[in-house]
Every structure is written in structure tokens, then in C-alpha cells.
PDB file of all heavy atoms in Angstrom:
ATOM      1  N   LEU A   1       9.393   1.644  -8.678  1.00  0.00           N
ATOM      2  CA  LEU A   1       7.920   1.515  -8.481  1.00  0.00           C
ATOM      3  C   LEU A   1       7.557   0.087  -8.151  1.00  0.00           C
ATOM      4  O   LEU A   1       6.740  -0.146  -7.206  1.00  0.00           O
ATOM      5  CB  LEU A   1       7.192   2.029  -9.693  1.00  0.00           C
ATOM      6  CG  LEU A   1       5.671   2.036  -9.663  1.00  0.00           C
ATOM      7  CD1 LEU A   1       5.136   2.983  -8.586  1.00  0.00           C
ATOM      8  CD2 LEU A   1       5.122   2.460 -11.014  1.00  0.00           C
ATOM      9  N   LEU A   2       8.089  -0.860  -8.875  1.00  0.00           N
ATOM     10  CA  LEU A   2       7.807  -2.312  -8.703  1.00  0.00           C
ATOM     11  C   LEU A   2       8.220  -2.726  -7.301  1.00  0.00           C
ATOM     12  O   LEU A   2       7.462  -3.412  -6.588  1.00  0.00           O
ATOM     13  CB  LEU A   2       8.445  -3.152  -9.768  1.00  0.00           C
ATOM     14  CG  LEU A   2       8.308  -4.634  -9.601  1.00  0.00           C
ATOM     15  CD1 LEU A   2       6.863  -5.030  -9.695  1.00  0.00           C
ATOM     16  CD2 LEU A   2       9.084  -5.337 -10.702  1.00  0.00           C
ATOM     17  N   GLU A   3       9.392  -2.382  -6.849  1.00  0.00           N
ATOM     18  CA  GLU A   3       9.889  -2.794  -5.538  1.00  0.00           C
ATOM     19  C   GLU A   3       9.013  -2.230  -4.416  1.00  0.00           C
ATOM     20  O   GLU A   3       8.689  -2.917  -3.475  1.00  0.00           O
ATOM     21  CB  GLU A   3      11.398  -2.412  -5.328  1.00  0.00           C
ATOM     22  CG  GLU A   3      12.282  -3.199  -6.197  1.00  0.00           C
ATOM     23  CD  GLU A   3      12.112  -4.728  -5.998  1.00  0.00           C
ATOM     24  OE1 GLU A   3      12.070  -5.223  -4.880  1.00  0.00           O
ATOM     25  OE2 GLU A   3      12.065  -5.411  -7.046  1.00  0.00           O
ATOM     26  N   LYS A   4       8.655  -0.939  -4.498  1.00  0.00           N
ATOM     27  CA  LYS A   4       7.772  -0.353  -3.476  1.00  0.00           C
ATOM     28  C   LYS A   4       6.411  -0.927  -3.508  1.00  0.00           C
ATOM     29  O   LYS A   4       5.808  -1.222  -2.433  1.00  0.00           O
ATOM     30  CB  LYS A   4       7.713   1.170  -3.663  1.00  0.00           C
ATOM     31  CG  LYS A   4       9.017   1.914  -3.438  1.00  0.00           C
ATOM     32  CD  LYS A   4       9.448   1.694  -1.993  1.00  0.00           C
ATOM     33  CE  LYS A   4      10.734   2.405  -1.697  1.00  0.00           C
ATOM     34  NZ  LYS A   4      11.201   2.177  -0.361  1.00  0.00           N
ATOM     35  N   LEU A   5       5.904  -1.232  -4.689  1.00  0.00           N
ATOM     36  CA  LEU A   5       4.588  -1.861  -4.791  1.00  0.00           C
ATOM     37  C   LEU A   5       4.571  -3.245  -4.197  1.00  0.00           C
ATOM     38  O   LEU A   5       3.609  -3.639  -3.511  1.00  0.00           O
ATOM     39  CB  LEU A   5       4.218  -1.992  -6.291  1.00  0.00           C
ATOM     40  CG  LEU A   5       3.183  -1.028  -6.787  1.00  0.00           C
ATOM     41  CD1 LEU A   5       2.914  -1.286  -8.244  1.00  0.00           C
ATOM     42  CD2 LEU A   5       1.917  -1.101  -6.001  1.00  0.00           C
ATOM     43  N   ARG A   6       5.637  -4.038  -4.437  1.00  0.00           N
ATOM     44  CA  ARG A   6       5.703  -5.413  -3.872  1.00  0.00           C
ATOM     45  C   ARG A   6       5.636  -5.329  -2.317  1.00  0.00           C
ATOM     46  O   ARG A   6       4.895  -6.170  -1.695  1.00  0.00           O
ATOM     47  CB  ARG A   6       6.996  -6.054  -4.316  1.00  0.00           C
ATOM     48  CG  ARG A   6       6.941  -6.581  -5.690  1.00  0.00           C
ATOM     49  CD  ARG A   6       8.246  -7.289  -6.043  1.00  0.00           C
ATOM     50  NE  ARG A   6       8.117  -7.860  -7.354  1.00  0.00           N
ATOM     51  CZ  ARG A   6       9.165  -8.166  -8.126  1.00  0.00           C
ATOM     52  NH1 ARG A   6      10.381  -7.943  -7.686  1.00  0.00           N
ATOM     53  NH2 ARG A   6       8.984  -8.682  -9.298  1.00  0.00           N
ATOM     54  N   ILE A   7       6.319  -4.413  -1.778  1.00  0.00           N
ATOM     55  CA  ILE A   7       6.325  -4.257  -0.276  1.00  0.00           C
ATOM     56  C   ILE A   7       4.911  -3.900   0.219  1.00  0.00           C
ATOM     57  O   ILE A   7       4.376  -4.517   1.142  1.00  0.00           O
ATOM     58  CB  ILE A   7       7.354  -3.258   0.160  1.00  0.00           C
ATOM     59  CG1 ILE A   7       8.785  -3.752  -0.105  1.00  0.00           C
ATOM     60  CG2 ILE A   7       7.229  -2.916   1.668  1.00  0.00           C
ATOM     61  CD1 ILE A   7       9.868  -2.712  -0.009  1.00  0.00           C
ATOM     62  N   ILE A   8       4.342  -2.920  -0.374  1.00  0.00           N
ATOM     63  CA  ILE A   8       3.057  -2.414   0.019  1.00  0.00           C
ATOM     64  C   ILE A   8       1.957  -3.523  -0.165  1.00  0.00           C
ATOM     65  O   ILE A   8       1.153  -3.737   0.716  1.00  0.00           O
ATOM     66  CB  ILE A   8       2.665  -1.129  -0.691  1.00  0.00           C
ATOM     67  CG1 ILE A   8       3.575   0.004  -0.232  1.00  0.00           C
ATOM     68  CG2 ILE A   8       1.172  -0.706  -0.420  1.00  0.00           C
ATOM     69  CD1 ILE A   8       3.477   1.274  -1.073  1.00  0.00           C
ATOM     70  N   ASN A   9       1.963  -4.124  -1.341  1.00  0.00           N
ATOM     71  CA  ASN A   9       0.971  -5.180  -1.660  1.00  0.00           C
ATOM     72  C   ASN A   9       1.088  -6.324  -0.684  1.00  0.00           C
ATOM     73  O   ASN A   9       0.111  -6.897  -0.245  1.00  0.00           O
ATOM     74  CB  ASN A   9       1.070  -5.620  -3.091  1.00  0.00           C
ATOM     75  CG  ASN A   9       0.497  -4.644  -4.063  1.00  0.00           C
ATOM     76  OD1 ASN A   9      -0.267  -3.745  -3.663  1.00  0.00           O
ATOM     77  ND2 ASN A   9       0.881  -4.778  -5.305  1.00  0.00           N
ATOM     78  N   TYR A  10       2.315  -6.753  -0.382  1.00  0.00           N
ATOM     79  CA  TYR A  10       2.545  -7.833   0.571  1.00  0.00           C
ATOM     80  C   TYR A  10       1.989  -7.497   1.947  1.00  0.00           C
ATOM     81  O   TYR A  10       1.280  -8.253   2.562  1.00  0.00           O
ATOM     82  CB  TYR A  10       4.009  -8.185   0.642  1.00  0.00           C
ATOM     83  CG  TYR A  10       4.325  -9.150   1.732  1.00  0.00           C
ATOM     84  CD1 TYR A  10       4.032 -10.543   1.589  1.00  0.00           C
ATOM     85  CD2 TYR A  10       4.888  -8.807   2.962  1.00  0.00           C
ATOM     86  CE1 TYR A  10       4.247 -11.469   2.571  1.00  0.00           C
ATOM     87  CE2 TYR A  10       5.124  -9.671   3.958  1.00  0.00           C
ATOM     88  CZ  TYR A  10       4.841 -11.035   3.773  1.00  0.00           C
ATOM     89  OH  TYR A  10       5.083 -11.920   4.734  1.00  0.00           O
ATOM     90  N   ARG A  11       2.298  -6.265   2.390  1.00  0.00           N
ATOM     91  CA  ARG A  11       1.851  -5.859   3.740  1.00  0.00           C
ATOM     92  C   ARG A  11       0.331  -5.726   3.753  1.00  0.00           C
ATOM     93  O   ARG A  11      -0.263  -6.107   4.795  1.00  0.00           O
ATOM     94  CB  ARG A  11       2.484  -4.558   4.114  1.00  0.00           C
ATOM     95  CG  ARG A  11       3.977  -4.738   4.482  1.00  0.00           C
ATOM     96  CD  ARG A  11       4.599  -3.421   4.887  1.00  0.00           C
ATOM     97  NE  ARG A  11       6.021  -3.670   5.186  1.00  0.00           N
ATOM     98  CZ  ARG A  11       6.843  -2.616   5.343  1.00  0.00           C
ATOM     99  NH1 ARG A  11       6.465  -1.361   5.197  1.00  0.00           N
ATOM    100  NH2 ARG A  11       8.110  -2.884   5.595  1.00  0.00           N
ATOM    101  N   MET A  12      -0.264  -5.243   2.713  1.00  0.00           N
ATOM    102  CA  MET A  12      -1.739  -5.172   2.686  1.00  0.00           C
ATOM    103  C   MET A  12      -2.376  -6.567   2.700  1.00  0.00           C
ATOM    104  O   MET A  12      -3.426  -6.742   3.231  1.00  0.00           O
ATOM    105  CB  MET A  12      -2.253  -4.328   1.465  1.00  0.00           C
ATOM    106  CG  MET A  12      -2.165  -2.879   1.738  1.00  0.00           C
ATOM    107  SD  MET A  12      -3.171  -1.895   0.574  1.00  0.00           S
ATOM    108  CE  MET A  12      -2.321  -2.127  -0.911  1.00  0.00           C
ATOM    109  N   ALA A  13      -1.659  -7.492   2.029  1.00  0.00           N
ATOM    110  CA  ALA A  13      -2.235  -8.847   1.971  1.00  0.00           C
ATOM    111  C   ALA A  13      -2.252  -9.544   3.296  1.00  0.00           C
ATOM    112  O   ALA A  13      -3.137 -10.364   3.575  1.00  0.00           O
ATOM    113  CB  ALA A  13      -1.405  -9.696   0.968  1.00  0.00           C
ATOM    114  N   ILE A  14      -1.231  -9.293   4.146  1.00  0.00           N
ATOM    115  CA  ILE A  14      -1.167  -9.999   5.424  1.00  0.00           C
ATOM    116  C   ILE A  14      -1.838  -9.253   6.582  1.00  0.00           C
ATOM    117  O   ILE A  14      -2.034  -9.842   7.605  1.00  0.00           O
ATOM    118  CB  ILE A  14       0.324 -10.385   5.782  1.00  0.00           C
ATOM    119  CG1 ILE A  14       1.137  -9.063   5.996  1.00  0.00           C
ATOM    120  CG2 ILE A  14       0.927 -11.242   4.759  1.00  0.00           C
ATOM    121  CD1 ILE A  14       2.510  -9.307   6.566  1.00  0.00           C
ATOM    122  N   ASP A  15      -2.202  -7.992   6.345  1.00  0.00           N
ATOM    123  CA  ASP A  15      -2.869  -7.234   7.397  1.00  0.00           C
ATOM    124  C   ASP A  15      -4.281  -7.727   7.649  1.00  0.00           C
ATOM    125  O   ASP A  15      -4.914  -8.217   6.690  1.00  0.00           O
ATOM    126  CB  ASP A  15      -2.877  -5.772   7.076  1.00  0.00           C
ATOM    127  CG  ASP A  15      -1.675  -4.980   7.543  1.00  0.00           C
ATOM    128  OD1 ASP A  15      -0.794  -5.642   8.199  1.00  0.00           O
ATOM    129  OD2 ASP A  15      -1.549  -3.800   7.285  1.00  0.00           O
ATOM    130  N   GLU A  16      -4.758  -7.568   8.806  1.00  0.00           N
ATOM    131  CA  GLU A  16      -6.135  -7.880   9.160  1.00  0.00           C
ATOM    132  C   GLU A  16      -7.016  -6.719   8.851  1.00  0.00           C
ATOM    133  O   GLU A  16      -6.564  -5.584   8.676  1.00  0.00           O
ATOM    134  CB  GLU A  16      -6.252  -8.208  10.659  1.00  0.00           C
ATOM    135  CG  GLU A  16      -5.551  -9.448  11.076  1.00  0.00           C
ATOM    136  CD  GLU A  16      -5.685  -9.711  12.518  1.00  0.00           C
ATOM    137  OE1 GLU A  16      -6.495  -9.094  13.200  1.00  0.00           O
ATOM    138  OE2 GLU A  16      -4.963 -10.580  13.036  1.00  0.00           O
ATOM    139  N   GLY A  17      -8.320  -6.976   8.725  1.00  0.00           N
ATOM    140  CA  GLY A  17      -9.263  -5.926   8.514  1.00  0.00           C
ATOM    141  C   GLY A  17      -9.810  -5.891   7.096  1.00  0.00           C
ATOM    142  O   GLY A  17      -9.415  -6.705   6.213  1.00  0.00           O
ATOM    143  N   ASP A  18     -10.771  -5.050   6.916  1.00  0.00           N
ATOM    144  CA  ASP A  18     -11.359  -4.946   5.605  1.00  0.00           C
ATOM    145  C   ASP A  18     -10.523  -4.110   4.616  1.00  0.00           C
ATOM    146  O   ASP A  18      -9.470  -3.595   5.025  1.00  0.00           O
ATOM    147  CB  ASP A  18     -12.808  -4.367   5.670  1.00  0.00           C
ATOM    148  CG  ASP A  18     -12.810  -2.971   6.320  1.00  0.00           C
ATOM    149  OD1 ASP A  18     -11.748  -2.495   6.623  1.00  0.00           O
ATOM    150  OD2 ASP A  18     -13.879  -2.460   6.546  1.00  0.00           O
ATOM    151  N   ALA A  19     -10.936  -4.063   3.395  1.00  0.00           N
ATOM    152  CA  ALA A  19     -10.113  -3.407   2.346  1.00  0.00           C
ATOM    153  C   ALA A  19      -9.877  -1.957   2.690  1.00  0.00           C
ATOM    154  O   ALA A  19      -8.803  -1.397   2.448  1.00  0.00           O
ATOM    155  CB  ALA A  19     -10.788  -3.566   0.980  1.00  0.00           C
ATOM    156  N   ARG A  20     -10.894  -1.264   3.163  1.00  0.00           N
ATOM    157  CA  ARG A  20     -10.768   0.138   3.482  1.00  0.00           C
ATOM    158  C   ARG A  20      -9.764   0.425   4.573  1.00  0.00           C
ATOM    159  O   ARG A  20      -8.947   1.332   4.470  1.00  0.00           O
ATOM    160  CB  ARG A  20     -12.155   0.690   3.890  1.00  0.00           C
ATOM    161  CG  ARG A  20     -12.209   2.166   3.885  1.00  0.00           C
ATOM    162  CD  ARG A  20     -13.618   2.611   4.209  1.00  0.00           C
ATOM    163  NE  ARG A  20     -13.782   2.567   5.659  1.00  0.00           N
ATOM    164  CZ  ARG A  20     -14.797   3.207   6.267  1.00  0.00           C
ATOM    165  NH1 ARG A  20     -15.654   3.850   5.586  1.00  0.00           N
ATOM    166  NH2 ARG A  20     -14.881   3.178   7.551  1.00  0.00           N
ATOM    167  N   THR A  21      -9.722  -0.446   5.561  1.00  0.00           N
ATOM    168  CA  THR A  21      -8.776  -0.327   6.668  1.00  0.00           C
ATOM    169  C   THR A  21      -7.347  -0.576   6.226  1.00  0.00           C
ATOM    170  O   THR A  21      -6.422   0.144   6.532  1.00  0.00           O
ATOM    171  CB  THR A  21      -9.117  -1.286   7.852  1.00  0.00           C
ATOM    172  OG1 THR A  21     -10.474  -1.110   8.214  1.00  0.00           O
ATOM    173  CG2 THR A  21      -8.208  -1.088   8.998  1.00  0.00           C
ATOM    174  N   ARG A  22      -7.198  -1.586   5.362  1.00  0.00           N
ATOM    175  CA  ARG A  22      -5.833  -1.881   4.836  1.00  0.00           C
ATOM    176  C   ARG A  22      -5.347  -0.808   3.927  1.00  0.00           C
ATOM    177  O   ARG A  22      -4.158  -0.452   4.001  1.00  0.00           O
ATOM    178  CB  ARG A  22      -5.868  -3.253   4.113  1.00  0.00           C
ATOM    179  CG  ARG A  22      -5.979  -4.436   5.054  1.00  0.00           C
ATOM    180  CD  ARG A  22      -5.981  -5.722   4.360  1.00  0.00           C
ATOM    181  NE  ARG A  22      -7.302  -5.975   3.755  1.00  0.00           N
ATOM    182  CZ  ARG A  22      -7.490  -6.559   2.619  1.00  0.00           C
ATOM    183  NH1 ARG A  22      -6.486  -7.050   1.934  1.00  0.00           N
ATOM    184  NH2 ARG A  22      -8.705  -6.741   2.147  1.00  0.00           N
ATOM    185  N   LEU A  23      -6.241  -0.257   3.114  1.00  0.00           N
ATOM    186  CA  LEU A  23      -5.825   0.829   2.214  1.00  0.00           C
ATOM    187  C   LEU A  23      -5.454   2.054   3.005  1.00  0.00           C
ATOM    188  O   LEU A  23      -4.505   2.736   2.707  1.00  0.00           O
ATOM    189  CB  LEU A  23      -6.917   1.107   1.246  1.00  0.00           C
ATOM    190  CG  LEU A  23      -6.540   1.920  -0.005  1.00  0.00           C
ATOM    191  CD1 LEU A  23      -5.532   1.195  -0.834  1.00  0.00           C
ATOM    192  CD2 LEU A  23      -7.805   2.248  -0.814  1.00  0.00           C
ATOM    193  N   SER A  24      -6.197   2.291   4.057  1.00  0.00           N
ATOM    194  CA  SER A  24      -5.937   3.482   4.938  1.00  0.00           C
ATOM    195  C   SER A  24      -4.534   3.336   5.629  1.00  0.00           C
ATOM    196  O   SER A  24      -3.884   4.374   5.799  1.00  0.00           O
ATOM    197  CB  SER A  24      -7.028   3.593   6.024  1.00  0.00           C
ATOM    198  OG  SER A  24      -8.254   3.832   5.450  1.00  0.00           O
ATOM    199  N   ALA A  25      -4.212   2.188   5.986  1.00  0.00           N
ATOM    200  CA  ALA A  25      -2.957   1.950   6.698  1.00  0.00           C
ATOM    201  C   ALA A  25      -1.725   2.319   5.839  1.00  0.00           C
ATOM    202  O   ALA A  25      -0.699   2.709   6.356  1.00  0.00           O
ATOM    203  CB  ALA A  25      -2.831   0.503   7.221  1.00  0.00           C
ATOM    204  N   TYR A  26      -1.892   2.162   4.529  1.00  0.00           N
ATOM    205  CA  TYR A  26      -0.743   2.420   3.629  1.00  0.00           C
ATOM    206  C   TYR A  26      -1.029   3.540   2.695  1.00  0.00           C
ATOM    207  O   TYR A  26      -0.375   3.706   1.642  1.00  0.00           O
ATOM    208  CB  TYR A  26      -0.433   1.119   2.789  1.00  0.00           C
ATOM    209  CG  TYR A  26       0.013   0.032   3.759  1.00  0.00           C
ATOM    210  CD1 TYR A  26      -0.901  -0.961   4.168  1.00  0.00           C
ATOM    211  CD2 TYR A  26       1.252   0.027   4.342  1.00  0.00           C
ATOM    212  CE1 TYR A  26      -0.522  -1.929   5.127  1.00  0.00           C
ATOM    213  CE2 TYR A  26       1.613  -0.954   5.237  1.00  0.00           C
ATOM    214  CZ  TYR A  26       0.699  -1.909   5.578  1.00  0.00           C
ATOM    215  OH  TYR A  26       1.071  -2.840   6.516  1.00  0.00           O
ATOM    216  N   CYS A  27      -1.950   4.408   3.079  1.00  0.00           N
ATOM    217  CA  CYS A  27      -2.355   5.485   2.256  1.00  0.00           C
ATOM    218  C   CYS A  27      -1.209   6.484   1.925  1.00  0.00           C
ATOM    219  O   CYS A  27      -1.031   6.894   0.798  1.00  0.00           O
ATOM    220  CB  CYS A  27      -3.481   6.262   2.939  1.00  0.00           C
ATOM    221  SG  CYS A  27      -4.190   7.620   1.956  1.00  0.00           S
ATOM    222  N   PHE A  28      -0.428   6.796   2.908  1.00  0.00           N
ATOM    223  CA  PHE A  28       0.660   7.751   2.711  1.00  0.00           C
ATOM    224  C   PHE A  28       1.709   7.182   1.779  1.00  0.00           C
ATOM    225  O   PHE A  28       2.196   7.896   0.896  1.00  0.00           O
ATOM    226  CB  PHE A  28       1.318   8.140   4.077  1.00  0.00           C
ATOM    227  CG  PHE A  28       2.347   9.221   3.911  1.00  0.00           C
ATOM    228  CD1 PHE A  28       1.924  10.529   3.621  1.00  0.00           C
ATOM    229  CD2 PHE A  28       3.668   8.996   4.106  1.00  0.00           C
ATOM    230  CE1 PHE A  28       2.887  11.516   3.468  1.00  0.00           C
ATOM    231  CE2 PHE A  28       4.598   9.969   3.926  1.00  0.00           C
ATOM    232  CZ  PHE A  28       4.183  11.274   3.619  1.00  0.00           C
ATOM    233  N   GLN A  29       2.025   5.928   1.918  1.00  0.00           N
ATOM    234  CA  GLN A  29       3.050   5.263   1.025  1.00  0.00           C
ATOM    235  C   GLN A  29       2.530   5.243  -0.381  1.00  0.00           C
ATOM    236  O   GLN A  29       3.260   5.493  -1.358  1.00  0.00           O
ATOM    237  CB  GLN A  29       3.399   3.854   1.502  1.00  0.00           C
ATOM    238  CG  GLN A  29       4.240   3.829   2.715  1.00  0.00           C
ATOM    239  CD  GLN A  29       3.400   3.714   3.955  1.00  0.00           C
ATOM    240  OE1 GLN A  29       2.214   3.956   3.948  1.00  0.00           O
ATOM    241  NE2 GLN A  29       4.007   3.320   5.093  1.00  0.00           N
ATOM    242  N   LEU A  30       1.197   4.987  -0.536  1.00  0.00           N
ATOM    243  CA  LEU A  30       0.566   4.969  -1.846  1.00  0.00           C
ATOM    244  C   LEU A  30       0.551   6.362  -2.463  1.00  0.00           C
ATOM    245  O   LEU A  30       0.744   6.538  -3.675  1.00  0.00           O
ATOM    246  CB  LEU A  30      -0.827   4.370  -1.801  1.00  0.00           C
ATOM    247  CG  LEU A  30      -0.891   2.880  -1.478  1.00  0.00           C
ATOM    248  CD1 LEU A  30      -2.300   2.463  -1.184  1.00  0.00           C
ATOM    249  CD2 LEU A  30      -0.300   2.060  -2.595  1.00  0.00           C
ATOM    250  N   TYR A  31       0.326   7.380  -1.632  1.00  0.00           N
ATOM    251  CA  TYR A  31       0.340   8.718  -2.119  1.00  0.00           C
ATOM    252  C   TYR A  31       1.719   9.115  -2.646  1.00  0.00           C
ATOM    253  O   TYR A  31       1.887   9.748  -3.693  1.00  0.00           O
ATOM    254  CB  TYR A  31      -0.092   9.719  -1.014  1.00  0.00           C
ATOM    255  CG  TYR A  31      -0.150  11.097  -1.506  1.00  0.00           C
ATOM    256  CD1 TYR A  31      -1.243  11.587  -2.267  1.00  0.00           C
ATOM    257  CD2 TYR A  31       0.898  12.008  -1.196  1.00  0.00           C
ATOM    258  CE1 TYR A  31      -1.233  12.903  -2.745  1.00  0.00           C
ATOM    259  CE2 TYR A  31       0.851  13.300  -1.655  1.00  0.00           C
ATOM    260  CZ  TYR A  31      -0.239  13.764  -2.405  1.00  0.00           C
ATOM    261  OH  TYR A  31      -0.273  15.032  -2.891  1.00  0.00           O
ATOM    262  N   LEU A  32       2.759   8.637  -1.949  1.00  0.00           N
ATOM    263  CA  LEU A  32       4.127   8.917  -2.396  1.00  0.00           C
ATOM    264  C   LEU A  32       4.431   8.197  -3.726  1.00  0.00           C
ATOM    265  O   LEU A  32       5.117   8.733  -4.582  1.00  0.00           O
ATOM    266  CB  LEU A  32       5.158   8.505  -1.327  1.00  0.00           C
ATOM    267  CG  LEU A  32       5.163   9.333  -0.099  1.00  0.00           C
ATOM    268  CD1 LEU A  32       6.214   8.764   0.925  1.00  0.00           C
ATOM    269  CD2 LEU A  32       5.496  10.806  -0.402  1.00  0.00           C
ATOM    270  N   LEU A  33       3.848   6.980  -3.877  1.00  0.00           N
ATOM    271  CA  LEU A  33       4.034   6.292  -5.167  1.00  0.00           C
ATOM    272  C   LEU A  33       3.354   7.022  -6.283  1.00  0.00           C
ATOM    273  O   LEU A  33       3.818   6.997  -7.420  1.00  0.00           O
ATOM    274  CB  LEU A  33       3.449   4.887  -5.056  1.00  0.00           C
ATOM    275  CG  LEU A  33       4.323   3.815  -4.463  1.00  0.00           C
ATOM    276  CD1 LEU A  33       3.605   2.443  -4.627  1.00  0.00           C
ATOM    277  CD2 LEU A  33       5.648   3.740  -5.109  1.00  0.00           C
ATOM    278  N   ALA A  34       2.261   7.725  -5.993  1.00  0.00           N
ATOM    279  CA  ALA A  34       1.541   8.447  -6.992  1.00  0.00           C
ATOM    280  C   ALA A  34       2.316   9.612  -7.538  1.00  0.00           C
ATOM    281  O   ALA A  34       1.921  10.194  -8.582  1.00  0.00           O
ATOM    282  CB  ALA A  34       0.158   8.892  -6.478  1.00  0.00           C
ATOM    283  N   THR A  35       3.388   9.999  -6.897  1.00  0.00           N
ATOM    284  CA  THR A  35       4.215  11.092  -7.431  1.00  0.00           C
ATOM    285  C   THR A  35       5.117  10.595  -8.556  1.00  0.00           C
ATOM    286  O   THR A  35       5.680  11.347  -9.308  1.00  0.00           O
ATOM    287  CB  THR A  35       5.097  11.704  -6.371  1.00  0.00           C
ATOM    288  OG1 THR A  35       6.000  10.695  -5.806  1.00  0.00           O
ATOM    289  CG2 THR A  35       4.276  12.290  -5.213  1.00  0.00           C
ATOM    290  N   ARG A  36       5.242   9.244  -8.674  1.00  0.00           N
ATOM    291  CA  ARG A  36       5.978   8.614  -9.760  1.00  0.00           C
ATOM    292  C   ARG A  36       5.160   8.553 -11.009  1.00  0.00           C
ATOM    293  O   ARG A  36       3.946   8.525 -10.965  1.00  0.00           O
ATOM    294  CB  ARG A  36       6.457   7.203  -9.336  1.00  0.00           C
ATOM    295  CG  ARG A  36       7.374   7.224  -8.181  1.00  0.00           C
ATOM    296  CD  ARG A  36       8.745   7.200  -8.733  1.00  0.00           C
ATOM    297  NE  ARG A  36       9.747   7.173  -7.747  1.00  0.00           N
ATOM    298  CZ  ARG A  36      10.989   7.503  -8.019  1.00  0.00           C
ATOM    299  NH1 ARG A  36      11.345   7.885  -9.180  1.00  0.00           N
ATOM    300  NH2 ARG A  36      11.902   7.428  -7.057  1.00  0.00           N
ATOM    301  N   ASP A  37       5.831   8.278 -12.164  1.00  0.00           N
ATOM    302  CA  ASP A  37       5.133   8.013 -13.384  1.00  0.00           C
ATOM    303  C   ASP A  37       4.643   6.579 -13.427  1.00  0.00           C
ATOM    304  O   ASP A  37       5.347   5.684 -13.050  1.00  0.00           O
ATOM    305  CB  ASP A  37       6.071   8.250 -14.595  1.00  0.00           C
ATOM    306  CG  ASP A  37       6.294   9.739 -14.853  1.00  0.00           C
ATOM    307  OD1 ASP A  37       5.396  10.548 -14.482  1.00  0.00           O
ATOM    308  OD2 ASP A  37       7.336  10.071 -15.392  1.00  0.00           O
TER     309      ASP A  37
END
């Protein structure tokens, strides 16, 4: 979970756009993380 989060958080940090756009871009990866405990 930590390794996947680091990748997603880093990519969201360097992406352009507002928070909603950045969250939308990684929505599917975050949904897959939500299957973990």
C-alpha cells in the first residue's frame, strides 16, 4: 500500500490542474488501492 501510494501521490503532486482533475486522473488506481486494508 505504501509503495503504490508513494507513486500515486508523487504523480498527483507533479501533474497540472486543480485538485479535482488530478484526483480524476488517478481515480482508478485509487479505487484499486481501496480494495486493500
